[in-house]
Amino acid sequence: MKRSKRQLLARMADRIGKPVGAAIAGSVLLSACGQNEAEMQVYQSPDDCRNDNPELAQQCQAAYQQALAESADTAPKYDSRHDCEADFGGNNCVPYQYQGNSWFMPAMAGFMFGRMLDGNRYAHSPVYTSYNPYSPYYGQWSTANGYRLGKASYGKRISVGKEALAPKPKVTRTISRGGFGSTAQAKSSWKSTKSSSSRSWGG
């Protein structure tokens, strides 16, 4: 792993250890909510996950580390901290280095964790929230590609569609201020609705 990426993951791990957003507590009890949906939990740290699921300590730690790495690759990127914070709120963005470019990306607020519907694997994915009250993602969990997962609050399970857990492309270009909401605001996995737009900032 390149030094710059190791440094980014260390910063993100330090950032997520602070109270940057609500972490949904509760045991990992998953059930089918529909043919292509499952209930998952969002945790702020691997410790939260292990406390709820002591028998899954290794899986919790692995999911957290994998979510951090995925976030570094797939979170939306911005040319300036100001542009990033316009979408995600003040003090909620971290530096990111890519091929000599100095960009900014939202801090990972938590990670989804739960058993896949086939019962043999555990899913993971980074989640984000916005602290800007003018953002469509204010107080909502969302994925890196803009699927809203419902209200960011304690004690609730979230119903996740397959779109929210699908592999996401590595982001290799920046988006403009306000681009995250305008590009993906119609996507809402927790309501099982699909956006008519296939636009993406990845690739």
N, C-alpha and C. Protein backbone atom coordinates (compact mmCIF):
# COMPACT_ATOMS: atom_id res chain seq x y z
N MET A 1 0.84 -1.18 0.00
CA MET A 1 0.00 0.00 0.00
C MET A 1 0.89 1.24 0.00
N LYS A 2 0.59 2.22 -0.86
CA LYS A 2 1.40 3.42 -0.94
C LYS A 2 1.31 4.21 0.36
N ARG A 3 2.42 4.94 0.63
CA ARG A 3 2.49 5.71 1.87
C ARG A 3 1.36 6.71 1.99
N SER A 4 1.04 7.41 0.87
CA SER A 4 -0.02 8.42 0.91
C SER A 4 -1.37 7.80 1.28
N LYS A 5 -1.64 6.58 0.78
CA LYS A 5 -2.90 5.94 1.11
C LYS A 5 -2.92 5.47 2.55
N ARG A 6 -1.76 4.97 3.05
CA ARG A 6 -1.70 4.59 4.46
C ARG A 6 -1.95 5.79 5.36
N GLN A 7 -1.40 6.94 4.99
CA GLN A 7 -1.60 8.15 5.78
C GLN A 7 -3.06 8.57 5.76
N LEU A 8 -3.71 8.45 4.59
CA LEU A 8 -5.12 8.81 4.49
C LEU A 8 -5.96 7.90 5.37
N LEU A 9 -5.72 6.60 5.32
CA LEU A 9 -6.50 5.66 6.13
C LEU A 9 -6.30 5.93 7.61
N ALA A 10 -5.08 6.32 7.99
CA ALA A 10 -4.83 6.64 9.40
C ALA A 10 -5.61 7.87 9.82
N ARG A 11 -5.66 8.89 8.94
CA ARG A 11 -6.44 10.10 9.26
C ARG A 11 -7.91 9.78 9.36
N MET A 12 -8.40 8.95 8.43
CA MET A 12 -9.82 8.60 8.45
C MET A 12 -10.17 7.80 9.69
N ALA A 13 -9.28 6.88 10.08
CA ALA A 13 -9.53 6.08 11.28
C ALA A 13 -9.57 6.96 12.51
N ASP A 14 -8.67 7.96 12.56
CA ASP A 14 -8.67 8.89 13.69
C ASP A 14 -9.93 9.73 13.69
N ARG A 15 -10.36 10.14 12.48
CA ARG A 15 -11.56 10.99 12.37
C ARG A 15 -12.81 10.24 12.78
N ILE A 16 -12.91 8.99 12.38
CA ILE A 16 -14.13 8.23 12.68
C ILE A 16 -14.20 7.83 14.14
N GLY A 17 -13.07 7.85 14.83
CA GLY A 17 -13.08 7.55 16.25
C GLY A 17 -13.68 8.66 17.09
N LYS A 18 -13.88 9.84 16.48
CA LYS A 18 -14.47 10.97 17.18
C LYS A 18 -15.97 11.00 16.89
N PRO A 19 -16.75 11.72 17.69
CA PRO A 19 -18.22 11.73 17.51
C PRO A 19 -18.63 12.56 16.32
N VAL A 20 -18.40 12.06 15.11
CA VAL A 20 -18.73 12.81 13.92
C VAL A 20 -20.13 12.52 13.41
N GLY A 21 -20.78 11.52 13.91
CA GLY A 21 -22.11 11.20 13.42
C GLY A 21 -22.74 10.13 14.26
N ALA A 22 -24.02 9.94 14.09
CA ALA A 22 -24.72 8.93 14.88
C ALA A 22 -24.34 7.55 14.39
N ALA A 23 -24.15 6.63 15.32
CA ALA A 23 -23.87 5.24 14.97
C ALA A 23 -25.06 4.41 15.40
N ILE A 24 -25.56 3.61 14.51
CA ILE A 24 -26.73 2.81 14.83
C ILE A 24 -26.30 1.58 15.60
N ALA A 25 -26.85 1.39 16.79
CA ALA A 25 -26.48 0.28 17.64
C ALA A 25 -27.47 -0.86 17.48
N GLY A 26 -27.11 -2.02 18.08
CA GLY A 26 -28.00 -3.17 18.04
C GLY A 26 -27.31 -4.37 17.47
N SER A 27 -27.86 -5.52 17.69
CA SER A 27 -27.24 -6.74 17.20
C SER A 27 -27.41 -6.87 15.70
N VAL A 28 -26.52 -7.65 15.09
CA VAL A 28 -26.61 -7.87 13.65
C VAL A 28 -27.64 -8.95 13.39
N LEU A 29 -28.86 -8.53 13.29
CA LEU A 29 -29.96 -9.45 13.02
C LEU A 29 -30.48 -9.10 11.64
N LEU A 30 -30.20 -9.93 10.69
CA LEU A 30 -30.56 -9.63 9.32
C LEU A 30 -31.70 -10.52 8.86
N SER A 31 -32.54 -9.95 8.07
CA SER A 31 -33.63 -10.73 7.49
C SER A 31 -33.93 -10.16 6.12
N ALA A 32 -34.53 -10.95 5.29
CA ALA A 32 -34.91 -10.48 3.97
C ALA A 32 -36.08 -9.52 4.10
N CYS A 33 -35.92 -8.33 3.52
CA CYS A 33 -37.00 -7.34 3.53
C CYS A 33 -37.72 -7.35 2.20
N GLY A 34 -37.23 -8.09 1.30
CA GLY A 34 -37.74 -8.19 -0.05
C GLY A 34 -36.78 -9.10 -0.77
N GLN A 35 -37.06 -9.38 -1.99
CA GLN A 35 -36.23 -10.34 -2.71
C GLN A 35 -34.78 -9.89 -2.80
N ASN A 36 -34.57 -8.58 -2.91
CA ASN A 36 -33.22 -8.07 -3.09
C ASN A 36 -32.79 -7.13 -1.97
N GLU A 37 -33.36 -7.27 -0.80
CA GLU A 37 -33.04 -6.38 0.31
C GLU A 37 -32.63 -7.18 1.54
N ALA A 38 -31.90 -6.51 2.43
CA ALA A 38 -31.53 -7.09 3.71
C ALA A 38 -31.50 -5.98 4.74
N GLU A 39 -31.64 -6.36 6.00
CA GLU A 39 -31.49 -5.41 7.09
C GLU A 39 -30.05 -5.44 7.56
N MET A 40 -29.47 -4.25 7.73
CA MET A 40 -28.09 -4.16 8.18
C MET A 40 -27.99 -3.16 9.32
N GLN A 41 -26.81 -3.14 9.96
CA GLN A 41 -26.52 -2.19 11.02
C GLN A 41 -25.40 -1.26 10.56
N VAL A 42 -25.41 -0.04 11.06
CA VAL A 42 -24.33 0.89 10.83
C VAL A 42 -23.62 1.14 12.15
N TYR A 43 -22.30 1.00 12.13
CA TYR A 43 -21.49 1.23 13.33
C TYR A 43 -20.49 2.35 13.07
N GLN A 44 -20.17 3.07 14.13
CA GLN A 44 -19.19 4.15 14.00
C GLN A 44 -17.77 3.63 14.14
N SER A 45 -17.59 2.54 14.84
CA SER A 45 -16.24 2.01 15.07
C SER A 45 -16.30 0.49 15.16
N PRO A 46 -15.16 -0.18 14.99
CA PRO A 46 -15.15 -1.64 15.15
C PRO A 46 -15.48 -2.06 16.58
N ASP A 47 -15.15 -1.21 17.55
CA ASP A 47 -15.49 -1.53 18.94
C ASP A 47 -17.00 -1.62 19.13
N ASP A 48 -17.74 -0.69 18.53
CA ASP A 48 -19.20 -0.74 18.62
C ASP A 48 -19.73 -2.05 18.04
N CYS A 49 -19.16 -2.43 16.90
CA CYS A 49 -19.57 -3.67 16.24
C CYS A 49 -19.25 -4.88 17.10
N ARG A 50 -18.05 -4.91 17.68
CA ARG A 50 -17.65 -6.04 18.52
C ARG A 50 -18.48 -6.12 19.80
N ASN A 51 -18.83 -4.97 20.36
CA ASN A 51 -19.64 -4.97 21.58
C ASN A 51 -21.01 -5.59 21.34
N ASP A 52 -21.56 -5.35 20.17
CA ASP A 52 -22.86 -5.93 19.84
C ASP A 52 -22.74 -7.38 19.39
N ASN A 53 -21.59 -7.72 18.82
CA ASN A 53 -21.41 -9.04 18.22
C ASN A 53 -20.07 -9.63 18.64
N PRO A 54 -19.90 -9.98 19.92
CA PRO A 54 -18.60 -10.47 20.38
C PRO A 54 -18.13 -11.73 19.66
N GLU A 55 -19.06 -12.51 19.15
CA GLU A 55 -18.68 -13.72 18.43
C GLU A 55 -18.17 -13.42 17.03
N LEU A 56 -18.32 -12.16 16.58
CA LEU A 56 -17.91 -11.77 15.23
C LEU A 56 -16.81 -10.71 15.28
N ALA A 57 -15.96 -10.78 16.29
CA ALA A 57 -14.94 -9.74 16.48
C ALA A 57 -14.03 -9.60 15.26
N GLN A 58 -13.60 -10.71 14.69
CA GLN A 58 -12.71 -10.65 13.53
C GLN A 58 -13.43 -10.06 12.32
N GLN A 59 -14.68 -10.46 12.12
CA GLN A 59 -15.44 -9.94 10.99
C GLN A 59 -15.68 -8.44 11.13
N CYS A 60 -15.92 -7.99 12.36
CA CYS A 60 -16.14 -6.55 12.60
C CYS A 60 -14.89 -5.75 12.25
N GLN A 61 -13.74 -6.22 12.70
CA GLN A 61 -12.49 -5.50 12.43
C GLN A 61 -12.19 -5.49 10.94
N ALA A 62 -12.38 -6.64 10.29
CA ALA A 62 -12.12 -6.72 8.85
C ALA A 62 -13.06 -5.81 8.07
N ALA A 63 -14.33 -5.78 8.45
CA ALA A 63 -15.30 -4.94 7.76
C ALA A 63 -14.93 -3.47 7.88
N TYR A 64 -14.49 -3.07 9.07
CA TYR A 64 -14.10 -1.68 9.29
C TYR A 64 -12.90 -1.30 8.42
N GLN A 65 -11.87 -2.13 8.42
CA GLN A 65 -10.68 -1.83 7.64
C GLN A 65 -10.99 -1.80 6.14
N GLN A 66 -11.82 -2.73 5.70
CA GLN A 66 -12.18 -2.78 4.29
C GLN A 66 -13.03 -1.58 3.90
N ALA A 67 -13.90 -1.13 4.81
CA ALA A 67 -14.72 0.05 4.54
C ALA A 67 -13.86 1.30 4.44
N LEU A 68 -12.86 1.43 5.30
CA LEU A 68 -11.94 2.56 5.22
C LEU A 68 -11.23 2.59 3.87
N ALA A 69 -10.73 1.44 3.44
CA ALA A 69 -10.02 1.36 2.16
C ALA A 69 -10.96 1.67 1.00
N GLU A 70 -12.18 1.14 1.08
CA GLU A 70 -13.16 1.40 0.02
C GLU A 70 -13.53 2.88 -0.02
N SER A 71 -13.66 3.49 1.15
CA SER A 71 -14.00 4.91 1.20
C SER A 71 -12.93 5.76 0.52
N ALA A 72 -11.66 5.43 0.76
CA ALA A 72 -10.57 6.18 0.13
C ALA A 72 -10.65 6.12 -1.39
N ASP A 73 -11.09 5.00 -1.92
CA ASP A 73 -11.17 4.82 -3.37
C ASP A 73 -12.44 5.39 -3.98
N THR A 74 -13.57 5.28 -3.28
CA THR A 74 -14.87 5.51 -3.93
C THR A 74 -15.63 6.74 -3.47
N ALA A 75 -15.21 7.39 -2.39
CA ALA A 75 -15.93 8.59 -1.93
C ALA A 75 -15.79 9.70 -2.97
N PRO A 76 -16.78 10.60 -3.06
CA PRO A 76 -16.66 11.73 -3.99
C PRO A 76 -15.47 12.61 -3.63
N LYS A 77 -14.80 13.15 -4.64
CA LYS A 77 -13.61 13.97 -4.44
C LYS A 77 -13.86 15.41 -4.92
N TYR A 78 -13.24 16.35 -4.22
CA TYR A 78 -13.42 17.77 -4.51
C TYR A 78 -12.07 18.46 -4.62
N ASP A 79 -12.03 19.54 -5.40
CA ASP A 79 -10.78 20.29 -5.55
C ASP A 79 -10.42 21.07 -4.29
N SER A 80 -11.41 21.46 -3.49
CA SER A 80 -11.12 22.25 -2.30
C SER A 80 -11.93 21.76 -1.11
N ARG A 81 -11.42 22.03 0.09
CA ARG A 81 -12.16 21.69 1.30
C ARG A 81 -13.49 22.45 1.34
N HIS A 82 -13.47 23.69 0.88
CA HIS A 82 -14.69 24.50 0.89
C HIS A 82 -15.79 23.84 0.08
N ASP A 83 -15.45 23.34 -1.11
CA ASP A 83 -16.45 22.69 -1.95
C ASP A 83 -16.97 21.42 -1.30
N CYS A 84 -16.08 20.64 -0.70
CA CYS A 84 -16.49 19.41 -0.02
C CYS A 84 -17.42 19.72 1.15
N GLU A 85 -17.05 20.72 1.95
CA GLU A 85 -17.86 21.05 3.12
C GLU A 85 -19.20 21.67 2.74
N ALA A 86 -19.30 22.24 1.53
CA ALA A 86 -20.59 22.74 1.07
C ALA A 86 -21.59 21.61 0.92
N ASP A 87 -21.11 20.41 0.59
CA ASP A 87 -21.98 19.24 0.46
C ASP A 87 -22.13 18.48 1.78
N PHE A 88 -21.05 18.42 2.57
CA PHE A 88 -21.05 17.52 3.73
C PHE A 88 -20.93 18.22 5.08
N GLY A 89 -20.78 19.53 5.10
CA GLY A 89 -20.74 20.26 6.36
C GLY A 89 -19.33 20.54 6.86
N GLY A 90 -19.23 21.52 7.74
CA GLY A 90 -17.93 21.94 8.26
C GLY A 90 -17.24 20.85 9.06
N ASN A 91 -15.92 20.81 8.93
CA ASN A 91 -15.08 19.85 9.66
C ASN A 91 -15.47 18.40 9.39
N ASN A 92 -15.98 18.15 8.20
CA ASN A 92 -16.42 16.80 7.86
C ASN A 92 -15.75 16.29 6.59
N CYS A 93 -14.59 16.89 6.23
CA CYS A 93 -13.86 16.47 5.05
C CYS A 93 -12.39 16.27 5.39
N VAL A 94 -11.75 15.36 4.67
CA VAL A 94 -10.34 15.04 4.92
C VAL A 94 -9.55 15.15 3.62
N PRO A 95 -8.24 15.45 3.70
CA PRO A 95 -7.41 15.54 2.49
C PRO A 95 -7.25 14.18 1.82
N TYR A 96 -7.02 14.23 0.51
CA TYR A 96 -6.81 13.01 -0.27
C TYR A 96 -5.80 13.32 -1.37
N GLN A 97 -4.80 12.46 -1.51
CA GLN A 97 -3.77 12.63 -2.53
C GLN A 97 -3.98 11.62 -3.64
N TYR A 98 -3.95 12.09 -4.89
CA TYR A 98 -4.11 11.17 -6.03
C TYR A 98 -3.26 11.67 -7.18
N GLN A 99 -2.26 10.90 -7.55
CA GLN A 99 -1.39 11.19 -8.69
C GLN A 99 -0.91 12.64 -8.66
N GLY A 100 -0.45 13.07 -7.50
CA GLY A 100 0.08 14.42 -7.37
C GLY A 100 -0.95 15.50 -7.13
N ASN A 101 -2.23 15.13 -7.15
CA ASN A 101 -3.30 16.10 -6.90
C ASN A 101 -3.69 16.09 -5.42
N SER A 102 -3.97 17.25 -4.88
CA SER A 102 -4.43 17.37 -3.50
C SER A 102 -5.92 17.67 -3.52
N TRP A 103 -6.71 16.67 -3.19
CA TRP A 103 -8.16 16.79 -3.20
C TRP A 103 -8.71 16.65 -1.78
N PHE A 104 -10.04 16.72 -1.69
CA PHE A 104 -10.72 16.52 -0.41
C PHE A 104 -11.91 15.59 -0.61
N MET A 105 -12.22 14.84 0.43
CA MET A 105 -13.33 13.89 0.39
C MET A 105 -14.04 13.89 1.74
N PRO A 106 -15.32 13.48 1.79
CA PRO A 106 -16.03 13.43 3.07
C PRO A 106 -15.45 12.36 3.98
N ALA A 107 -15.42 12.64 5.27
CA ALA A 107 -14.98 11.64 6.24
C ALA A 107 -16.03 10.54 6.34
N MET A 108 -15.57 9.31 6.48
CA MET A 108 -16.48 8.19 6.67
C MET A 108 -17.13 8.32 8.04
N ALA A 109 -18.45 8.35 8.08
CA ALA A 109 -19.17 8.52 9.34
C ALA A 109 -19.43 7.19 10.04
N GLY A 110 -19.34 6.10 9.31
CA GLY A 110 -19.59 4.78 9.87
C GLY A 110 -19.50 3.74 8.78
N PHE A 111 -19.81 2.50 9.14
CA PHE A 111 -19.77 1.44 8.14
C PHE A 111 -20.93 0.48 8.36
N MET A 112 -21.52 0.06 7.25
CA MET A 112 -22.57 -0.95 7.30
C MET A 112 -21.94 -2.31 7.54
N PHE A 113 -22.66 -3.13 8.29
CA PHE A 113 -22.17 -4.48 8.56
C PHE A 113 -23.35 -5.41 8.70
N GLY A 114 -23.28 -6.55 8.03
CA GLY A 114 -24.34 -7.53 8.17
C GLY A 114 -24.13 -8.72 7.26
N ARG A 115 -24.88 -9.75 7.53
CA ARG A 115 -24.77 -10.99 6.76
C ARG A 115 -25.50 -10.83 5.44
N MET A 116 -24.87 -11.30 4.37
CA MET A 116 -25.50 -11.27 3.07
C MET A 116 -26.69 -12.22 3.06
N LEU A 117 -27.57 -12.02 2.10
CA LEU A 117 -28.78 -12.83 2.04
C LEU A 117 -28.49 -14.31 1.82
N ASP A 118 -27.32 -14.62 1.23
CA ASP A 118 -27.00 -16.04 1.04
C ASP A 118 -26.55 -16.69 2.34
N GLY A 119 -26.33 -15.86 3.39
CA GLY A 119 -26.02 -16.38 4.71
C GLY A 119 -24.59 -16.80 4.92
N ASN A 120 -23.74 -16.71 3.89
CA ASN A 120 -22.37 -17.21 4.00
C ASN A 120 -21.32 -16.11 4.08
N ARG A 121 -21.69 -14.87 3.79
CA ARG A 121 -20.72 -13.78 3.77
C ARG A 121 -21.25 -12.59 4.55
N TYR A 122 -20.32 -11.73 4.98
CA TYR A 122 -20.69 -10.50 5.67
C TYR A 122 -20.40 -9.31 4.77
N ALA A 123 -21.40 -8.48 4.61
CA ALA A 123 -21.27 -7.30 3.76
C ALA A 123 -20.72 -6.14 4.56
N HIS A 124 -20.07 -5.23 3.88
CA HIS A 124 -19.57 -4.01 4.50
C HIS A 124 -19.61 -2.90 3.47
N SER A 125 -19.75 -1.68 3.92
CA SER A 125 -19.72 -0.53 3.03
C SER A 125 -19.60 0.73 3.87
N PRO A 126 -18.78 1.70 3.45
CA PRO A 126 -18.71 2.96 4.18
C PRO A 126 -20.00 3.75 4.01
N VAL A 127 -20.35 4.52 5.01
CA VAL A 127 -21.50 5.41 4.91
C VAL A 127 -21.09 6.82 5.32
N TYR A 128 -21.85 7.79 4.85
CA TYR A 128 -21.56 9.20 5.05
C TYR A 128 -22.83 9.92 5.50
N THR A 129 -22.64 11.09 6.06
CA THR A 129 -23.77 11.96 6.36
C THR A 129 -23.33 13.39 6.18
N SER A 130 -24.28 14.29 6.00
CA SER A 130 -23.97 15.71 5.84
C SER A 130 -24.45 16.48 7.06
N TYR A 131 -23.65 17.48 7.46
CA TYR A 131 -24.03 18.36 8.55
C TYR A 131 -24.44 19.73 8.03
N ASN A 132 -24.59 19.84 6.72
CA ASN A 132 -25.08 21.08 6.10
C ASN A 132 -26.59 20.97 5.97
N PRO A 133 -27.37 21.80 6.69
CA PRO A 133 -28.83 21.67 6.65
C PRO A 133 -29.44 21.93 5.28
N TYR A 134 -28.67 22.48 4.36
CA TYR A 134 -29.19 22.73 3.01
C TYR A 134 -28.90 21.58 2.05
N SER A 135 -28.21 20.57 2.53
CA SER A 135 -27.90 19.41 1.70
C SER A 135 -29.05 18.41 1.75
N PRO A 136 -29.36 17.74 0.63
CA PRO A 136 -30.38 16.68 0.67
C PRO A 136 -29.95 15.48 1.50
N TYR A 137 -28.68 15.43 1.89
CA TYR A 137 -28.16 14.33 2.70
C TYR A 137 -28.01 14.72 4.17
N TYR A 138 -28.54 15.87 4.53
CA TYR A 138 -28.45 16.33 5.92
C TYR A 138 -29.19 15.35 6.84
N GLY A 139 -28.47 14.83 7.84
CA GLY A 139 -29.09 13.91 8.78
C GLY A 139 -29.46 12.56 8.21
N GLN A 140 -28.93 12.23 7.03
CA GLN A 140 -29.23 10.95 6.38
C GLN A 140 -27.94 10.16 6.20
N TRP A 141 -28.05 8.84 6.30
CA TRP A 141 -26.94 7.99 5.88
C TRP A 141 -26.97 7.92 4.36
N SER A 142 -25.80 7.90 3.74
CA SER A 142 -25.73 7.68 2.29
C SER A 142 -24.48 6.88 1.96
N THR A 143 -24.51 6.25 0.80
CA THR A 143 -23.35 5.52 0.31
C THR A 143 -22.47 6.46 -0.52
N ALA A 144 -21.32 5.97 -0.94
CA ALA A 144 -20.39 6.79 -1.70
C ALA A 144 -20.97 7.24 -3.03
N ASN A 145 -21.87 6.46 -3.60
CA ASN A 145 -22.46 6.83 -4.88
C ASN A 145 -23.84 7.45 -4.73
N GLY A 146 -24.20 7.87 -3.51
CA GLY A 146 -25.37 8.71 -3.34
C GLY A 146 -26.67 8.05 -2.97
N TYR A 147 -26.68 6.76 -2.69
CA TYR A 147 -27.92 6.12 -2.26
C TYR A 147 -28.20 6.49 -0.81
N ARG A 148 -29.37 7.06 -0.57
CA ARG A 148 -29.76 7.40 0.80
C ARG A 148 -30.28 6.15 1.50
N LEU A 149 -29.86 6.00 2.76
CA LEU A 149 -30.18 4.79 3.51
C LEU A 149 -31.11 5.05 4.68
N GLY A 150 -31.65 6.25 4.77
CA GLY A 150 -32.56 6.57 5.86
C GLY A 150 -31.91 7.48 6.88
N LYS A 151 -32.67 7.83 7.89
CA LYS A 151 -32.24 8.79 8.90
C LYS A 151 -31.06 8.26 9.71
N ALA A 152 -30.07 9.11 9.91
CA ALA A 152 -28.91 8.75 10.74
C ALA A 152 -29.29 8.93 12.20
N SER A 153 -29.71 7.84 12.83
CA SER A 153 -30.13 7.92 14.23
C SER A 153 -29.83 6.60 14.92
N TYR A 154 -29.86 6.63 16.23
CA TYR A 154 -29.55 5.45 17.01
C TYR A 154 -30.69 4.43 16.99
N GLY A 155 -30.31 3.16 17.10
CA GLY A 155 -31.26 2.11 17.40
C GLY A 155 -32.12 1.61 16.26
N LYS A 156 -31.86 2.05 15.04
CA LYS A 156 -32.68 1.61 13.92
C LYS A 156 -31.87 0.74 12.97
N ARG A 157 -32.49 -0.33 12.51
CA ARG A 157 -31.90 -1.12 11.43
C ARG A 157 -32.27 -0.44 10.11
N ILE A 158 -31.47 -0.67 9.10
CA ILE A 158 -31.77 -0.09 7.80
C ILE A 158 -31.95 -1.19 6.77
N SER A 159 -32.93 -1.00 5.90
CA SER A 159 -33.18 -1.94 4.82
C SER A 159 -32.35 -1.51 3.62
N VAL A 160 -31.50 -2.39 3.16
CA VAL A 160 -30.54 -2.05 2.12
C VAL A 160 -30.80 -2.87 0.87
N GLY A 161 -30.93 -2.20 -0.25
CA GLY A 161 -31.10 -2.87 -1.53
C GLY A 161 -29.76 -3.24 -2.13
N LYS A 162 -29.79 -4.09 -3.13
CA LYS A 162 -28.54 -4.59 -3.71
C LYS A 162 -27.73 -3.48 -4.37
N GLU A 163 -28.42 -2.40 -4.82
CA GLU A 163 -27.69 -1.31 -5.46
C GLU A 163 -26.72 -0.65 -4.49
N ALA A 164 -27.13 -0.54 -3.22
CA ALA A 164 -26.28 0.13 -2.23
C ALA A 164 -25.05 -0.68 -1.89
N LEU A 165 -25.10 -1.99 -2.07
CA LEU A 165 -23.98 -2.87 -1.73
C LEU A 165 -23.16 -3.26 -2.95
N ALA A 166 -23.58 -2.85 -4.13
CA ALA A 166 -22.86 -3.22 -5.35
C ALA A 166 -21.47 -2.57 -5.35
N PRO A 167 -20.48 -3.22 -5.97
CA PRO A 167 -19.14 -2.62 -6.07
C PRO A 167 -19.21 -1.26 -6.73
N LYS A 168 -18.41 -0.33 -6.23
CA LYS A 168 -18.41 1.03 -6.74
C LYS A 168 -17.08 1.32 -7.43
N PRO A 169 -17.11 2.12 -8.48
CA PRO A 169 -15.86 2.40 -9.21
C PRO A 169 -14.93 3.30 -8.41
N LYS A 170 -13.65 3.18 -8.67
CA LYS A 170 -12.67 4.08 -8.07
C LYS A 170 -12.86 5.47 -8.65
N VAL A 171 -12.89 6.47 -7.80
CA VAL A 171 -13.09 7.85 -8.24
C VAL A 171 -11.76 8.45 -8.65
N THR A 172 -11.68 8.92 -9.88
CA THR A 172 -10.42 9.45 -10.42
C THR A 172 -10.57 10.88 -10.92
N ARG A 173 -11.68 11.53 -10.60
CA ARG A 173 -11.85 12.94 -10.96
C ARG A 173 -12.72 13.61 -9.90
N THR A 174 -12.67 14.92 -9.89
CA THR A 174 -13.41 15.66 -8.88
C THR A 174 -14.77 16.09 -9.39
N ILE A 175 -15.64 16.43 -8.45
CA ILE A 175 -16.93 17.01 -8.79
C ILE A 175 -16.99 18.41 -8.21
N SER A 176 -17.91 19.21 -8.69
CA SER A 176 -18.01 20.60 -8.25
C SER A 176 -18.83 20.70 -6.98
N ARG A 177 -18.77 21.86 -6.37
CA ARG A 177 -19.56 22.14 -5.17
C ARG A 177 -21.04 21.88 -5.47
N GLY A 178 -21.68 21.14 -4.60
CA GLY A 178 -23.08 20.80 -4.81
C GLY A 178 -23.29 19.62 -5.73
N GLY A 179 -22.20 19.06 -6.27
CA GLY A 179 -22.33 18.00 -7.26
C GLY A 179 -22.84 16.69 -6.69
N PHE A 180 -22.53 16.41 -5.43
CA PHE A 180 -22.95 15.13 -4.85
C PHE A 180 -24.47 15.05 -4.79
N GLY A 181 -25.11 16.08 -4.27
CA GLY A 181 -26.56 16.06 -4.16
C GLY A 181 -27.26 16.13 -5.50
N SER A 182 -26.76 16.97 -6.41
CA SER A 182 -27.44 17.14 -7.69
C SER A 182 -27.30 15.91 -8.57
N THR A 183 -26.21 15.18 -8.43
CA THR A 183 -26.00 13.99 -9.26
C THR A 183 -26.83 12.81 -8.80
N ALA A 184 -26.94 12.64 -7.48
CA ALA A 184 -27.52 11.40 -6.97
C ALA A 184 -28.72 11.59 -6.06
N GLN A 185 -29.32 12.78 -6.03
CA GLN A 185 -30.35 13.04 -5.04
C GLN A 185 -31.59 12.17 -5.22
N ALA A 186 -31.81 11.63 -6.42
CA ALA A 186 -33.00 10.81 -6.63
C ALA A 186 -32.81 9.37 -6.17
N LYS A 187 -31.58 8.98 -5.89
CA LYS A 187 -31.33 7.60 -5.48
C LYS A 187 -31.70 7.42 -4.02
N SER A 188 -32.46 6.41 -3.72
CA SER A 188 -32.88 6.18 -2.34
C SER A 188 -33.05 4.70 -2.11
N SER A 189 -31.99 4.01 -1.74
CA SER A 189 -32.02 2.57 -1.56
C SER A 189 -33.00 2.16 -0.47
N TRP A 190 -33.09 2.96 0.59
CA TRP A 190 -33.93 2.54 1.71
C TRP A 190 -35.41 2.58 1.37
N LYS A 191 -35.77 3.31 0.30
CA LYS A 191 -37.15 3.29 -0.17
C LYS A 191 -37.32 2.38 -1.38
N SER A 192 -36.22 1.74 -1.76
CA SER A 192 -36.22 0.81 -2.89
C SER A 192 -36.61 1.49 -4.19
N THR A 193 -36.24 2.77 -4.35
CA THR A 193 -36.52 3.47 -5.59
C THR A 193 -35.23 3.59 -6.37
N LYS A 194 -35.35 3.75 -7.67
CA LYS A 194 -34.18 3.83 -8.53
C LYS A 194 -34.15 5.19 -9.21
N SER A 195 -32.94 5.71 -9.39
CA SER A 195 -32.77 6.96 -10.10
C SER A 195 -32.86 6.69 -11.59
N SER A 196 -33.39 7.68 -12.31
CA SER A 196 -33.44 7.54 -13.76
C SER A 196 -32.11 7.93 -14.38
N SER A 197 -31.22 8.51 -13.57
CA SER A 197 -29.92 8.93 -14.07
C SER A 197 -28.87 7.88 -13.77
N SER A 198 -27.98 7.66 -14.72
CA SER A 198 -26.89 6.71 -14.49
C SER A 198 -25.56 7.45 -14.41
N ARG A 199 -25.61 8.77 -14.25
CA ARG A 199 -24.40 9.57 -14.19
C ARG A 199 -23.56 9.18 -12.99
N SER A 200 -22.25 9.21 -13.14
CA SER A 200 -21.36 8.84 -12.05
C SER A 200 -20.11 9.69 -12.12
N TRP A 201 -19.50 9.91 -10.94
CA TRP A 201 -18.23 10.63 -10.92
C TRP A 201 -17.05 9.67 -10.81
N GLY A 202 -17.29 8.37 -10.84
CA GLY A 202 -16.20 7.40 -10.75
C GLY A 202 -15.62 7.11 -12.11
N GLY A 203 -14.56 6.27 -12.11
CA GLY A 203 -13.99 5.82 -13.37
C GLY A 203 -13.00 6.78 -13.98
